[in-house]
């Protein structure tokens, strides 16, 4: 790694390998001058060769994530004051004592120039620009629409603006199949635009992180979207994803929103019974995935059975018939594990991920009466008592229910699961 970009070496590399490049990924770079110099070299290279041929004929994917500056207001030092003075007209987001500064000015113009140079992309990712509500809102998207409107299939736009501003331009990419977008970039009108215009859209990922502003959409819009999708014989797969350092639950879309996956890819949100019951009530006919990822939870996890989410998880697998993936990272008992596998395999549960370090050897259901249909109360109690006292017995019993080998996961294995 070199702190100062060597433009000559970059040009030599591009002249030799540009026709072989399929993906270009720019990760968060704290040295903004290096990032701008690199984009300028790419743009100049394209413009130089454009008269003869397009130098990136196989480039299908471009990804750009801006390095967001963060200042912490602290009376004991003046670091926050220095940054605030440097960014006098910055589009800052304030979260408690933290200020997040987005992009603009020369950096944004450099990025726009490069995006206007590339064409025929299939996948485009643009994250954390945090633009203000001014003339910069159409930046990069207008250029992308002009050069890749017919070819773009996958689009990710996260934290594009620093305020609640609907992005209507996204609904003009007619061949989109998959879209990932922040909740504050959507509105009722934008969702209806997607339903009417994006005929190939199948997956809609609504992402929320620490920079996202939670937004609620009207109940009536989901009824209208459901009617439009039924008339055109199409289906949406909506994934509600909470990631990063986000500490709040999302605003749940009301039924009949086709929410098929709820994923917590964060350390800062624990499983709450009320949240699980809300998912059961709203999405009992559509939900297929419910997962808490990231093995190390950085919030308080209760130990008592009353405060834990054991019974809520059991109700979830009983009620949601199409649930096929369940990932649990928090403390539950071995008896609960057995019951989740028992009731889950009666429906569609296929993938059951569980952290071994969160499972305690315990049976809290000795006085519980199992009176569901086809349940034999005495046999279930006997089966629980026989298998809940050792981890190996739990794994063997669940393996029999699934009809394949099954085991609890280490923290390392749990961190590498994908849903």
Protein backbone atom coordinates (compact mmCIF):
# COMPACT_ATOMS: atom_id res chain seq x y z
CA UNK A 1 0.00 0.00 0.00
CA UNK A 2 1.26 3.47 -0.96
CA UNK A 3 -0.05 6.65 0.62
CA UNK A 4 0.67 8.64 -2.55
CA UNK A 5 -0.83 7.28 -5.76
CA UNK A 6 1.64 6.46 -8.50
CA UNK A 7 -0.29 7.63 -11.58
CA UNK A 8 2.29 6.24 -13.99
CA UNK A 9 2.04 2.70 -12.62
CA UNK A 10 -1.77 2.88 -12.65
CA UNK A 11 -1.77 3.93 -16.31
CA UNK A 12 0.65 1.12 -17.20
CA UNK A 13 -1.58 -1.37 -15.44
CA UNK A 14 -4.75 -0.08 -17.13
CA UNK A 15 -3.19 -0.21 -20.57
CA UNK A 16 -2.41 -3.90 -20.05
CA UNK A 17 -5.41 -5.17 -18.03
CA UNK A 18 -8.34 -2.83 -18.71
CA UNK A 19 -9.97 -5.19 -21.20
CA UNK A 20 -9.92 -8.00 -18.61
CA UNK A 21 -11.49 -6.06 -15.73
CA UNK A 22 -14.96 -7.18 -14.67
CA UNK A 23 -15.31 -5.57 -11.25
CA UNK A 24 -14.08 -2.29 -9.81
CA UNK A 25 -14.51 -1.88 -6.05
CA UNK A 26 -13.47 1.24 -4.15
CA UNK A 27 -13.66 0.63 -0.42
CA UNK A 28 -13.71 3.45 2.17
CA UNK A 29 -10.44 5.38 1.83
CA UNK A 30 -9.56 7.98 4.48
CA UNK A 31 -7.05 9.64 2.11
CA UNK A 32 -9.51 11.53 -0.07
CA UNK A 33 -6.79 12.93 -2.33
CA UNK A 34 -5.67 9.41 -3.28
CA UNK A 35 -9.25 8.42 -4.06
CA UNK A 36 -9.82 11.49 -6.25
CA UNK A 37 -6.51 11.02 -8.04
CA UNK A 38 -7.36 7.40 -8.79
CA UNK A 39 -10.80 8.31 -10.16
CA UNK A 40 -9.27 11.09 -12.26
CA UNK A 41 -6.74 8.68 -13.75
CA UNK A 42 -9.55 6.25 -14.65
CA UNK A 43 -11.69 9.00 -16.19
CA UNK A 44 -8.80 10.40 -18.21
CA UNK A 45 -7.87 6.92 -19.42
CA UNK A 46 -11.44 6.31 -20.65
CA UNK A 47 -11.73 9.71 -22.37
CA UNK A 48 -8.35 9.29 -24.03
CA UNK A 49 -9.31 5.95 -25.61
CA UNK A 50 -12.99 6.66 -26.24
CA UNK A 51 -12.35 7.97 -29.75
CA UNK A 52 -11.04 4.56 -30.81
CA UNK A 53 -12.70 2.07 -28.46
CA UNK A 54 -14.20 1.68 -24.99
CA UNK A 55 -11.29 0.45 -22.78
CA UNK A 56 -13.48 -1.49 -20.29
CA UNK A 57 -15.64 -3.71 -22.53
CA UNK A 58 -16.14 -6.40 -19.85
CA UNK A 59 -16.65 -4.15 -16.80
CA UNK A 60 -19.93 -5.26 -15.20
CA UNK A 61 -19.73 -4.02 -11.61
CA UNK A 62 -18.74 -0.78 -9.92
CA UNK A 63 -18.85 -0.32 -6.15
CA UNK A 64 -18.09 2.86 -4.24
CA UNK A 65 -18.37 3.38 -0.49
CA UNK A 66 -17.49 6.77 0.90
CA UNK A 67 -15.38 7.03 4.06
CA UNK A 68 -17.65 9.00 6.40
CA UNK A 69 -15.87 11.32 8.79
CA UNK A 70 -17.09 11.18 12.38
CA UNK A 71 -16.52 13.81 15.06
CA UNK A 72 -17.44 13.36 18.71
CA UNK A 73 -18.45 16.44 20.66
CA UNK A 74 -16.31 16.48 23.76
CA UNK A 75 -15.70 19.42 26.07
CA UNK A 76 -12.27 18.09 27.02
CA UNK A 77 -10.81 18.50 23.51
CA UNK A 78 -11.47 20.61 20.47
CA UNK A 79 -11.27 17.94 17.80
CA UNK A 80 -14.95 18.28 16.98
CA UNK A 81 -14.56 22.05 16.70
CA UNK A 82 -11.68 21.68 14.27
CA UNK A 83 -13.67 19.38 11.99
CA UNK A 84 -16.75 21.60 12.23
CA UNK A 85 -14.66 24.60 11.24
CA UNK A 86 -13.24 22.71 8.27
CA UNK A 87 -16.72 21.67 7.12
CA UNK A 88 -18.55 24.93 7.55
CA UNK A 89 -21.33 23.98 5.11
CA UNK A 90 -21.22 20.25 5.62
CA UNK A 91 -24.20 17.94 5.25
CA UNK A 92 -23.79 16.48 8.72
CA UNK A 93 -25.98 13.91 10.46
CA UNK A 94 -26.16 14.27 14.23
CA UNK A 95 -26.64 11.11 16.32
CA UNK A 96 -26.29 11.95 19.99
CA UNK A 97 -22.78 13.33 20.46
CA UNK A 98 -21.61 12.10 17.05
CA UNK A 99 -21.59 14.05 13.79
CA UNK A 100 -21.30 12.18 10.49
CA UNK A 101 -20.03 14.17 7.50
CA UNK A 102 -20.95 13.20 3.95
CA UNK A 103 -19.45 14.04 0.61
CA UNK A 104 -19.85 16.90 -1.88
CA UNK A 105 -17.79 19.48 -3.73
CA UNK A 106 -14.74 18.26 -5.65
CA UNK A 107 -15.05 14.67 -4.43
CA UNK A 108 -18.60 14.40 -5.74
CA UNK A 109 -17.72 16.05 -9.06
CA UNK A 110 -14.81 13.64 -9.52
CA UNK A 111 -17.10 10.68 -8.85
CA UNK A 112 -19.74 12.03 -11.24
CA UNK A 113 -17.17 12.44 -13.98
CA UNK A 114 -16.08 8.84 -13.66
CA UNK A 115 -19.63 7.44 -13.50
CA UNK A 116 -20.52 9.38 -16.64
CA UNK A 117 -17.55 7.70 -18.38
CA UNK A 118 -18.47 4.06 -17.76
CA UNK A 119 -21.33 2.28 -19.47
CA UNK A 120 -23.23 -1.00 -19.78
CA UNK A 121 -22.93 -1.91 -16.09
CA UNK A 122 -24.93 -4.78 -14.62
CA UNK A 123 -24.25 -4.14 -10.92
CA UNK A 124 -23.82 -0.75 -9.26
CA UNK A 125 -23.22 -0.01 -5.54
CA UNK A 126 -23.13 3.53 -4.14
CA UNK A 127 -23.02 3.92 -0.37
CA UNK A 128 -22.76 6.60 2.32
CA UNK A 129 -22.66 9.75 0.19
CA UNK A 130 -25.00 11.59 2.62
CA UNK A 131 -25.90 14.29 0.12
CA UNK A 132 -27.93 17.37 1.08
CA UNK A 133 -31.37 18.27 -0.25
CA UNK A 134 -30.06 20.50 -3.04
CA UNK A 135 -28.89 20.25 -6.63
CA UNK A 136 -26.54 17.35 -5.77
CA UNK A 137 -29.40 14.88 -5.30
CA UNK A 138 -29.28 13.63 -8.89
CA UNK A 139 -25.52 13.11 -8.75
CA UNK A 140 -24.26 9.84 -10.24
CA UNK A 141 -27.76 8.40 -10.67
CA UNK A 142 -28.51 10.63 -13.67
CA UNK A 143 -25.20 9.66 -15.28
CA UNK A 144 -25.84 6.00 -14.52
CA UNK A 145 -29.33 6.24 -16.00
CA UNK A 146 -27.96 7.69 -19.21
CA UNK A 147 -25.27 5.04 -19.78
CA UNK A 148 -26.60 1.85 -18.12
CA UNK A 149 -30.39 2.17 -18.05
CA UNK A 150 -31.09 -0.95 -20.12
CA UNK A 151 -28.34 -3.20 -18.75
CA UNK A 152 -28.40 -2.55 -14.98
CA UNK A 153 -29.80 -5.52 -13.03
CA UNK A 154 -28.58 -5.01 -9.45
CA UNK A 155 -28.52 -1.66 -7.69
CA UNK A 156 -27.52 -0.76 -4.12
CA UNK A 157 -28.04 2.80 -2.88
CA UNK A 158 -27.45 3.16 0.87
CA UNK A 159 -27.51 6.45 2.79
CA UNK A 160 -27.52 8.44 -0.43
CA UNK A 161 -28.92 11.53 1.29
CA UNK A 162 -28.56 12.90 4.79
CA UNK A 163 -32.30 13.63 5.08
CA UNK A 164 -35.57 11.98 4.14
CA UNK A 165 -35.68 12.45 0.36
CA UNK A 166 -37.44 9.95 -1.96
CA UNK A 167 -35.32 8.76 -4.90
CA UNK A 168 -37.64 8.63 -7.90
CA UNK A 169 -34.74 8.16 -10.32
CA UNK A 170 -34.24 4.59 -9.08
CA UNK A 171 -37.64 3.64 -10.51
CA UNK A 172 -36.48 4.44 -14.06
CA UNK A 173 -34.06 1.50 -14.39
CA UNK A 174 -36.47 -0.74 -16.23
CA UNK A 175 -34.51 -4.01 -16.03
CA UNK A 176 -33.68 -4.02 -12.32
CA UNK A 177 -33.96 -7.46 -10.70
CA UNK A 178 -32.56 -6.65 -7.25
CA UNK A 179 -32.58 -3.37 -5.33
CA UNK A 180 -31.02 -2.54 -1.95
CA UNK A 181 -31.98 0.86 -0.59
CA UNK A 182 -32.18 2.78 2.69
CA UNK A 183 -35.60 3.25 4.23
CA UNK A 184 -35.43 7.05 4.13
CA UNK A 185 -34.94 6.98 0.35
CA UNK A 186 -38.39 5.42 -0.12
CA UNK A 187 -41.91 6.80 0.08
CA UNK A 188 -45.40 5.65 -0.86
CA UNK A 189 -45.09 7.17 -4.34
CA UNK A 190 -41.65 5.63 -4.92
CA UNK A 191 -42.88 2.18 -3.91
CA UNK A 192 -45.84 2.51 -6.29
CA UNK A 193 -43.43 3.60 -9.03
CA UNK A 194 -41.42 0.43 -8.45
CA UNK A 195 -44.55 -1.73 -8.62
CA UNK A 196 -45.77 -0.14 -11.86
CA UNK A 197 -42.52 0.39 -13.75
CA UNK A 198 -39.97 -2.20 -12.57
CA UNK A 199 -41.47 -5.26 -14.20
CA UNK A 200 -38.44 -7.48 -13.47
CA UNK A 201 -37.91 -6.47 -9.85
CA UNK A 202 -37.96 -9.53 -7.62
CA UNK A 203 -35.90 -8.69 -4.53
CA UNK A 204 -36.23 -5.46 -2.56
CA UNK A 205 -33.80 -5.11 0.37
CA UNK A 206 -34.72 -2.31 2.80
CA UNK A 207 -31.53 -1.61 4.77
CA UNK A 208 -31.20 0.23 8.06
CA UNK A 209 -27.94 1.12 9.81
CA UNK A 210 -26.68 3.81 12.17
CA UNK A 211 -26.83 6.45 9.40
CA UNK A 212 -30.35 5.59 8.25
CA UNK A 213 -33.44 7.54 9.29
CA UNK A 214 -36.27 5.06 10.10
CA UNK A 215 -39.38 5.74 8.01
CA UNK A 216 -42.91 4.42 8.11
CA UNK A 217 -45.04 3.88 5.01
CA UNK A 218 -48.82 4.00 4.89
CA UNK A 219 -50.84 0.80 5.22
CA UNK A 220 -52.83 1.54 2.08
CA UNK A 221 -49.77 1.58 -0.18
CA UNK A 222 -49.05 -2.10 0.50
CA UNK A 223 -52.65 -2.97 -0.40
CA UNK A 224 -52.26 -1.11 -3.71
CA UNK A 225 -48.90 -2.79 -4.38
CA UNK A 226 -50.41 -6.21 -3.65
CA UNK A 227 -53.20 -5.57 -6.18
CA UNK A 228 -50.70 -4.40 -8.83
CA UNK A 229 -48.46 -7.44 -8.33
CA UNK A 230 -51.42 -9.83 -8.49
CA UNK A 231 -52.75 -8.23 -11.67
CA UNK A 232 -49.35 -8.59 -13.35
CA UNK A 233 -48.67 -12.05 -11.87
CA UNK A 234 -45.46 -10.92 -10.17
CA UNK A 235 -43.98 -11.42 -6.73
CA UNK A 236 -41.71 -9.35 -4.54
CA UNK A 237 -39.28 -10.68 -1.99
CA UNK A 238 -38.75 -7.95 0.62
CA UNK A 239 -35.84 -8.37 3.02
CA UNK A 240 -35.72 -6.16 6.11
CA UNK A 241 -32.03 -5.92 7.07
CA UNK A 242 -30.63 -4.17 10.16
CA UNK A 243 -26.84 -3.86 10.01
CA UNK A 244 -23.83 -1.96 11.29
CA UNK A 245 -24.12 -0.25 14.67
CA UNK A 246 -27.87 0.34 14.44
CA UNK A 247 -29.53 0.04 17.87
CA UNK A 248 -33.20 0.40 16.92
CA UNK A 249 -35.82 -1.86 15.42
CA UNK A 250 -37.09 -0.93 11.95
CA UNK A 251 -40.62 0.29 11.30
CA UNK A 252 -42.37 -2.86 10.12
CA UNK A 253 -44.36 -2.62 6.86
CA UNK A 254 -47.93 -3.66 7.48
CA UNK A 255 -49.61 -6.69 5.93
CA UNK A 256 -49.95 -7.57 3.04
CA UNK A 257 -46.35 -6.40 2.49
CA UNK A 258 -44.49 -9.44 1.06
CA UNK A 259 -41.73 -9.51 3.71
CA UNK A 260 -39.91 -12.81 3.31
CA UNK A 261 -36.77 -12.23 5.36
CA UNK A 262 -35.90 -10.36 8.56
CA UNK A 263 -32.15 -10.23 9.21
CA UNK A 264 -30.30 -8.55 12.08
CA UNK A 265 -26.68 -8.25 10.93
CA UNK A 266 -25.63 -6.20 13.94
CA UNK A 267 -24.12 -6.56 17.42
CA UNK A 268 -26.42 -3.95 18.96
CA UNK A 269 -29.95 -5.40 18.74
CA UNK A 270 -31.06 -8.40 20.76
CA UNK A 271 -34.02 -10.67 20.21
CA UNK A 272 -37.11 -9.13 21.80
CA UNK A 273 -40.33 -11.07 22.34
CA UNK A 274 -42.54 -8.19 21.21
CA UNK A 275 -40.63 -7.91 17.93
CA UNK A 276 -40.96 -11.63 17.21
CA UNK A 277 -44.70 -11.55 17.96
CA UNK A 278 -45.09 -8.56 15.63
CA UNK A 279 -43.41 -10.51 12.83
CA UNK A 280 -45.72 -13.45 13.50
CA UNK A 281 -48.79 -11.23 13.34
CA UNK A 282 -47.80 -9.31 10.21
CA UNK A 283 -45.95 -11.87 8.08
CA UNK A 284 -47.24 -15.31 9.08
CA UNK A 285 -48.09 -16.11 5.43
CA UNK A 286 -44.87 -14.86 3.80
CA UNK A 287 -41.89 -14.98 6.21
CA UNK A 288 -39.20 -17.49 5.23
CA UNK A 289 -36.04 -16.27 7.03
CA UNK A 290 -35.59 -14.93 10.56
CA UNK A 291 -31.96 -14.52 11.61
CA UNK A 292 -29.80 -12.76 14.18
CA UNK A 293 -26.23 -12.79 12.86
CA UNK A 294 -22.94 -11.65 14.50
CA UNK A 295 -22.10 -14.02 17.33
CA UNK A 296 -20.96 -11.42 19.90
CA UNK A 297 -23.94 -9.39 21.07
CA UNK A 298 -22.97 -6.10 22.77
CA UNK A 299 -26.20 -5.58 24.69
CA UNK A 300 -27.59 -7.18 27.84
CA UNK A 301 -28.85 -10.73 27.30
CA UNK A 302 -31.24 -11.94 30.03
CA UNK A 303 -30.69 -15.29 31.74
CA UNK A 304 -34.10 -16.01 33.23
CA UNK A 305 -36.61 -18.00 31.20
CA UNK A 306 -39.32 -15.35 31.59
CA UNK A 307 -37.15 -12.62 30.05
CA UNK A 308 -35.66 -14.77 27.28
CA UNK A 309 -37.27 -15.24 23.88
CA UNK A 310 -37.60 -19.07 24.05
CA UNK A 311 -41.39 -19.19 23.97
CA UNK A 312 -41.54 -16.50 21.27
CA UNK A 313 -39.26 -18.56 19.01
CA UNK A 314 -41.42 -21.65 19.54
CA UNK A 315 -44.55 -19.67 18.65
CA UNK A 316 -42.73 -18.39 15.55
CA UNK A 317 -41.98 -21.84 14.14
CA UNK A 318 -45.49 -23.00 15.01
CA UNK A 319 -47.26 -20.06 13.38
CA UNK A 320 -45.11 -19.20 10.34
CA UNK A 321 -45.60 -22.22 8.11
CA UNK A 322 -43.12 -21.19 5.38
CA UNK A 323 -40.22 -20.42 7.71
CA UNK A 324 -37.24 -22.34 6.31
CA UNK A 325 -34.27 -20.57 7.96
CA UNK A 326 -33.84 -19.70 11.64
CA UNK A 327 -30.61 -18.37 13.19
CA UNK A 328 -30.41 -17.80 16.96
CA UNK A 329 -27.36 -16.29 18.64
CA UNK A 330 -28.74 -15.60 22.13
CA UNK A 331 -29.24 -17.70 25.23
CA UNK A 332 -31.81 -20.50 24.98
CA UNK A 333 -32.17 -23.88 26.66
CA UNK A 334 -31.56 -27.32 25.17
CA UNK A 335 -35.25 -28.16 25.64
CA UNK A 336 -36.17 -25.13 23.54
CA UNK A 337 -33.73 -26.27 20.82
CA UNK A 338 -35.42 -29.65 20.69
CA UNK A 339 -38.90 -28.15 20.51
CA UNK A 340 -37.88 -25.71 17.76
CA UNK A 341 -36.59 -28.59 15.65
CA UNK A 342 -39.65 -30.73 16.52
CA UNK A 343 -42.24 -28.14 15.46
CA UNK A 344 -40.10 -26.66 12.67
CA UNK A 345 -39.69 -29.96 10.82
CA UNK A 346 -43.45 -30.37 10.84
CA UNK A 347 -43.59 -27.37 8.52
CA UNK A 348 -40.71 -26.17 6.30
CA UNK A 349 -37.73 -25.50 8.57
CA UNK A 350 -34.62 -26.64 6.72
CA UNK A 351 -31.75 -24.48 8.05
CA UNK A 352 -31.42 -24.13 11.83
CA UNK A 353 -28.32 -22.25 13.02
CA UNK A 354 -27.45 -22.15 16.70
CA UNK A 355 -24.44 -20.95 18.70
CA UNK A 356 -23.17 -23.65 21.00
CA UNK A 357 -21.96 -21.06 23.55
CA UNK A 358 -25.47 -19.69 23.97
CA UNK A 359 -27.18 -23.02 24.75
CA UNK A 360 -27.74 -23.95 28.40
CA UNK A 361 -28.52 -27.47 29.63
CA UNK A 362 -31.99 -26.97 31.04
CA UNK A 363 -35.62 -28.05 30.71
CA UNK A 364 -38.19 -25.41 31.70
CA UNK A 365 -41.20 -27.29 30.26
CA UNK A 366 -41.82 -29.93 32.93
CA UNK A 367 -45.20 -28.39 33.85
CA UNK A 368 -46.11 -27.42 30.30
CA UNK A 369 -48.98 -29.29 28.64
CA UNK A 370 -48.38 -30.05 24.97
CA UNK A 371 -51.88 -30.15 23.53
CA UNK A 372 -51.23 -29.24 19.90
CA UNK A 373 -52.69 -31.45 17.21
CA UNK A 374 -50.83 -34.79 16.93
CA UNK A 375 -48.93 -34.07 20.17
CA UNK A 376 -48.57 -36.81 22.79
CA UNK A 377 -47.89 -34.94 26.02
CA UNK A 378 -46.25 -37.85 27.88
CA UNK A 379 -44.02 -38.86 24.97
CA UNK A 380 -42.80 -35.30 24.40
CA UNK A 381 -41.93 -34.84 28.10
CA UNK A 382 -40.10 -38.17 28.13
CA UNK A 383 -38.25 -37.26 24.92
CA UNK A 384 -37.20 -33.86 26.31
CA UNK A 385 -35.95 -35.31 29.60
CA UNK A 386 -33.97 -37.98 27.78
CA UNK A 387 -32.19 -35.66 25.33
CA UNK A 388 -31.81 -32.27 27.01
CA UNK A 389 -29.07 -33.19 29.51
CA UNK A 390 -26.12 -33.44 27.10
CA UNK A 391 -25.14 -31.48 24.03
CA UNK A 392 -24.35 -34.63 22.07
CA UNK A 393 -27.82 -36.00 22.77
CA UNK A 394 -29.42 -32.76 21.56
CA UNK A 395 -27.44 -32.85 18.31
CA UNK A 396 -28.29 -36.51 17.72
CA UNK A 397 -32.01 -35.96 18.36
CA UNK A 398 -32.18 -32.95 16.04
CA UNK A 399 -30.20 -34.83 13.37
CA UNK A 400 -32.87 -37.54 13.44
CA UNK A 401 -35.62 -34.95 13.01
CA UNK A 402 -33.90 -33.27 10.04
CA UNK A 403 -32.82 -36.57 8.50
CA UNK A 404 -29.21 -35.37 8.11
CA UNK A 405 -26.23 -34.56 10.35
CA UNK A 406 -26.77 -31.41 12.41
CA UNK A 407 -24.59 -29.72 15.01
CA UNK A 408 -24.34 -26.51 16.99
CA UNK A 409 -21.91 -23.94 15.64
CA UNK A 410 -18.85 -22.35 17.18
CA UNK A 411 -18.69 -18.56 17.23
CA UNK A 412 -16.33 -18.57 14.25
CA UNK A 413 -18.65 -20.84 12.24
CA UNK A 414 -21.69 -18.77 13.21
CA UNK A 415 -20.05 -15.56 11.99
CA UNK A 416 -19.58 -17.10 8.54
CA UNK A 417 -23.14 -18.20 7.84
CA UNK A 418 -25.01 -16.52 4.98
CA UNK A 419 -28.78 -16.26 4.69
